[in-house]
């Protein structure tokens, strides 16, 4: 698929879907590398994933990045909860 096919109009701005996918992949890699326990319970991250999706649909990059930060924090918190339970 050509790069230009991965860009779509959202409101008055163009939204780069490749950029979006790269940021989401970065968040998952971060969690997998630092807090792999949370990947066994992704349901704990649903709220943040939905917020990121909604921000992407609005074309709001700032809200999208903030949602991904919240996603990573929630994954960290879930992993730490799991670790405390295992101790």
Protein backbone atom coordinates (compact mmCIF):
# COMPACT_ATOMS: atom_id res chain seq x y z
CA UNK A 1 0.00 0.00 0.00
CA UNK A 2 1.44 3.34 -0.99
CA UNK A 3 2.24 5.77 1.78
CA UNK A 4 -0.25 8.28 0.42
CA UNK A 5 -2.99 5.65 0.81
CA UNK A 6 -2.26 5.57 4.56
CA UNK A 7 -3.11 9.24 5.02
CA UNK A 8 -6.73 10.26 5.31
CA UNK A 9 -8.59 13.48 5.96
CA UNK A 10 -9.92 14.00 9.46
CA UNK A 11 -11.80 17.24 9.78
CA UNK A 12 -9.66 19.88 8.09
CA UNK A 13 -6.36 18.07 8.69
CA UNK A 14 -4.63 15.04 7.27
CA UNK A 15 -4.13 12.12 9.65
CA UNK A 16 -1.12 9.91 9.00
CA UNK A 17 -2.18 6.36 9.78
CA UNK A 18 1.41 5.09 9.56
CA UNK A 19 2.42 7.58 12.26
CA UNK A 20 -0.50 6.39 14.38
CA UNK A 21 0.44 2.73 13.97
CA UNK A 22 4.10 3.46 14.76
CA UNK A 23 3.19 5.25 18.01
CA UNK A 24 0.88 2.39 19.06
CA UNK A 25 3.60 -0.15 18.24
CA UNK A 26 6.08 1.89 20.30
CA UNK A 27 3.72 1.77 23.29
CA UNK A 28 3.29 -2.00 23.00
CA UNK A 29 7.04 -2.54 22.63
CA UNK A 30 7.64 -0.42 25.73
CA UNK A 31 5.16 -2.47 27.73
CA UNK A 32 6.46 -5.77 26.39
CA UNK A 33 10.04 -4.85 27.19
CA UNK A 34 9.48 -3.33 30.65
CA UNK A 35 6.21 -4.77 31.94
CA UNK A 36 5.49 -8.00 30.03
CA UNK A 37 3.08 -9.20 32.73
CA UNK A 38 0.48 -6.67 31.65
CA UNK A 39 0.31 -8.17 28.16
CA UNK A 40 -1.50 -11.15 29.68
CA UNK A 41 -4.33 -8.87 30.80
CA UNK A 42 -4.90 -6.32 28.06
CA UNK A 43 -8.52 -5.88 29.23
CA UNK A 44 -7.09 -3.67 31.99
CA UNK A 45 -5.98 -1.29 29.24
CA UNK A 46 -9.28 -1.14 27.31
CA UNK A 47 -10.28 2.29 28.60
CA UNK A 48 -7.01 3.84 27.44
CA UNK A 49 -7.02 2.01 24.12
CA UNK A 50 -10.53 3.31 23.45
CA UNK A 51 -9.45 6.87 24.34
CA UNK A 52 -6.55 6.59 21.88
CA UNK A 53 -8.88 5.29 19.18
CA UNK A 54 -11.33 8.14 19.76
CA UNK A 55 -8.53 10.72 19.63
CA UNK A 56 -7.31 9.20 16.37
CA UNK A 57 -10.81 9.37 14.91
CA UNK A 58 -10.95 13.07 15.85
CA UNK A 59 -7.50 13.65 14.40
CA UNK A 60 -6.25 14.99 17.74
CA UNK A 61 -2.55 14.11 17.91
CA UNK A 62 -2.03 15.63 21.36
CA UNK A 63 -4.92 13.64 22.84
CA UNK A 64 -3.74 10.54 20.99
CA UNK A 65 -0.25 10.79 22.49
CA UNK A 66 -1.67 11.50 25.95
CA UNK A 67 -3.90 8.44 25.62
CA UNK A 68 -0.90 6.30 24.71
CA UNK A 69 0.98 7.66 27.73
CA UNK A 70 -2.01 6.73 29.90
CA UNK A 71 -2.07 3.31 28.22
CA UNK A 72 1.59 2.75 29.17
CA UNK A 73 1.03 3.96 32.73
CA UNK A 74 -1.98 1.67 33.12
CA UNK A 75 0.09 -1.24 31.77
CA UNK A 76 2.84 -0.44 34.25
CA UNK A 77 0.35 -0.25 37.10
CA UNK A 78 -1.20 -3.58 36.10
CA UNK A 79 2.22 -5.25 35.89
CA UNK A 80 3.20 -3.90 39.30
CA UNK A 81 -0.11 -5.16 40.74
CA UNK A 82 0.63 -8.61 39.30
CA UNK A 83 4.19 -8.53 40.65
CA UNK A 84 3.00 -7.58 44.15
CA UNK A 85 0.52 -10.45 44.05
CA UNK A 86 3.25 -12.89 43.07
CA UNK A 87 5.59 -11.77 45.86
